[in-house]
Amino acid sequence: MLNVENCRIYIRPGKTDMRKAINGLSAMVSNSMNLNPLAGDLFLFSNRRNSMKVLYWDRNGYCLWQKRLEKHRFPWPKSDDEVLELTKQEWEWLLAGINFFDAHETLVFSQP
């Protein structure tokens, strides 16, 4: 399993062509996500079905991790608008198949 203790986790909403490899995904991180692929952070991509790729830089080269589900699908953001940053807990939920993207949103009131 990937070590996520000292890194940020970014998810790219929308469908990604799973034929893309390290060069194509790192270009997506730079160009469409406006992030630095060399920062050591995790960048998550999916085809919204049964496959997810994780790209990250590890000291002296890129690593590409892939998980393909034989049954079920990964929960994935419905919006294709912006890159989302996940918490470590959300990362674990994502791998477990828990759809936290549809969780209740926090309400803030100014008056009782």
Protein backbone atom coordinates (compact mmCIF):
# COMPACT_ATOMS: atom_id res chain seq x y z
CA MET A 1 0.00 0.00 0.00
CA LEU A 2 1.12 3.54 -0.66
CA ASN A 3 2.47 5.65 2.18
CA VAL A 4 0.19 8.68 2.43
CA GLU A 5 1.42 10.06 5.76
CA ASN A 6 3.52 12.96 4.49
CA CYS A 7 1.82 13.92 1.26
CA ARG A 8 -1.26 15.59 -0.09
CA ILE A 9 -3.80 13.60 -2.09
CA TYR A 10 -5.44 15.13 -5.15
CA ILE A 11 -8.24 13.59 -7.18
CA ARG A 12 -8.94 14.56 -10.76
CA PRO A 13 -12.70 14.49 -11.30
CA GLY A 14 -14.09 13.25 -14.58
CA LYS A 15 -13.03 10.41 -16.79
CA THR A 16 -9.38 9.80 -17.58
CA ASP A 17 -8.17 7.66 -20.44
CA MET A 18 -6.62 4.71 -18.60
CA ARG A 19 -4.26 4.07 -21.52
CA LYS A 20 -2.27 7.07 -20.34
CA ALA A 21 1.01 6.23 -18.64
CA ILE A 22 3.45 8.28 -16.59
CA ASN A 23 4.21 10.94 -19.20
CA GLY A 24 0.57 11.57 -20.10
CA LEU A 25 -0.61 11.65 -16.49
CA SER A 26 2.22 13.92 -15.32
CA ALA A 27 1.35 16.31 -18.18
CA MET A 28 -2.29 16.30 -16.96
CA VAL A 29 -1.13 17.15 -13.43
CA SER A 30 0.90 20.10 -14.73
CA ASN A 31 -1.45 21.39 -17.42
CA SER A 32 -5.04 20.67 -16.44
CA MET A 33 -4.68 20.33 -12.66
CA ASN A 34 -2.14 23.19 -12.34
CA LEU A 35 -0.11 21.25 -9.78
CA ASN A 36 3.51 20.12 -9.55
CA PRO A 37 3.85 16.39 -10.31
CA LEU A 38 7.32 16.39 -8.70
CA ALA A 39 6.03 17.49 -5.28
CA GLY A 40 5.72 13.96 -3.91
CA ASP A 41 1.94 14.22 -3.65
CA LEU A 42 -0.50 11.56 -4.83
CA PHE A 43 -2.57 12.26 -7.94
CA LEU A 44 -5.60 10.04 -8.50
CA PHE A 45 -7.20 9.31 -11.87
CA SER A 46 -10.08 7.04 -12.84
CA ASN A 47 -12.28 6.09 -15.74
CA ARG A 48 -15.24 6.27 -13.30
CA ARG A 49 -15.63 2.57 -13.55
CA ASN A 50 -13.43 -0.09 -12.15
CA SER A 51 -9.92 1.27 -12.56
CA MET A 52 -7.88 3.88 -10.68
CA LYS A 53 -4.30 5.04 -11.22
CA VAL A 54 -2.17 6.90 -8.70
CA LEU A 55 0.86 8.88 -9.86
CA TYR A 56 3.52 10.17 -7.51
CA TRP A 57 7.18 11.18 -7.44
CA ASP A 58 9.40 9.12 -5.15
CA ARG A 59 12.90 10.58 -4.60
CA ASN A 60 14.39 9.80 -8.00
CA GLY A 61 11.54 8.82 -10.29
CA TYR A 62 7.84 8.55 -10.91
CA CYS A 63 5.75 5.69 -9.53
CA LEU A 64 2.49 4.60 -11.07
CA TRP A 65 0.15 2.48 -8.99
CA GLN A 66 -2.99 0.95 -10.45
CA LYS A 67 -5.93 -0.83 -8.89
CA ARG A 68 -8.57 -2.58 -10.95
CA LEU A 69 -11.73 -3.80 -9.28
CA GLU A 70 -13.07 -7.11 -10.48
CA LYS A 71 -16.52 -6.25 -9.16
CA HIS A 72 -18.08 -2.89 -8.19
CA ARG A 73 -16.90 0.62 -9.01
CA PHE A 74 -14.89 3.31 -7.30
CA PRO A 75 -16.90 6.22 -5.94
CA TRP A 76 -15.86 9.32 -7.86
CA PRO A 77 -16.82 13.01 -7.79
CA LYS A 78 -19.81 13.81 -9.97
CA SER A 79 -18.52 17.27 -10.83
CA ASP A 80 -15.86 17.59 -13.51
CA ASP A 81 -15.05 21.15 -12.49
CA GLU A 82 -12.15 21.29 -10.05
CA VAL A 83 -9.38 19.22 -8.60
CA LEU A 84 -10.25 18.04 -5.10
CA GLU A 85 -7.88 17.45 -2.20
CA LEU A 86 -8.67 14.38 -0.12
CA THR A 87 -7.90 13.71 3.51
CA LYS A 88 -6.17 10.49 4.58
CA GLN A 89 -9.53 9.25 5.87
CA GLU A 90 -11.22 9.99 2.53
CA TRP A 91 -8.41 8.11 0.76
CA GLU A 92 -9.15 5.05 2.89
CA TRP A 93 -12.89 5.42 2.26
CA LEU A 94 -12.28 5.67 -1.49
CA LEU A 95 -10.31 2.42 -1.50
CA ALA A 96 -13.02 0.79 0.63
CA GLY A 97 -15.72 1.89 -1.82
CA ILE A 98 -17.49 4.31 0.54
CA ASN A 99 -19.09 7.17 -1.42
CA PHE A 100 -18.33 10.18 0.76
CA PHE A 101 -18.86 12.51 -2.21
CA ASP A 102 -22.61 12.37 -1.53
CA ALA A 103 -22.27 13.01 2.23
CA HIS A 104 -24.26 15.77 3.89
CA GLU A 105 -22.63 19.14 3.49
CA THR A 106 -21.77 21.15 6.61
CA LEU A 107 -24.18 24.01 7.28
CA VAL A 108 -23.01 27.20 8.97
CA PHE A 109 -25.56 29.55 10.50
CA SER A 110 -24.90 33.05 11.76
CA GLN A 111 -28.03 33.35 13.92
CA PRO A 112 -29.78 30.70 16.07
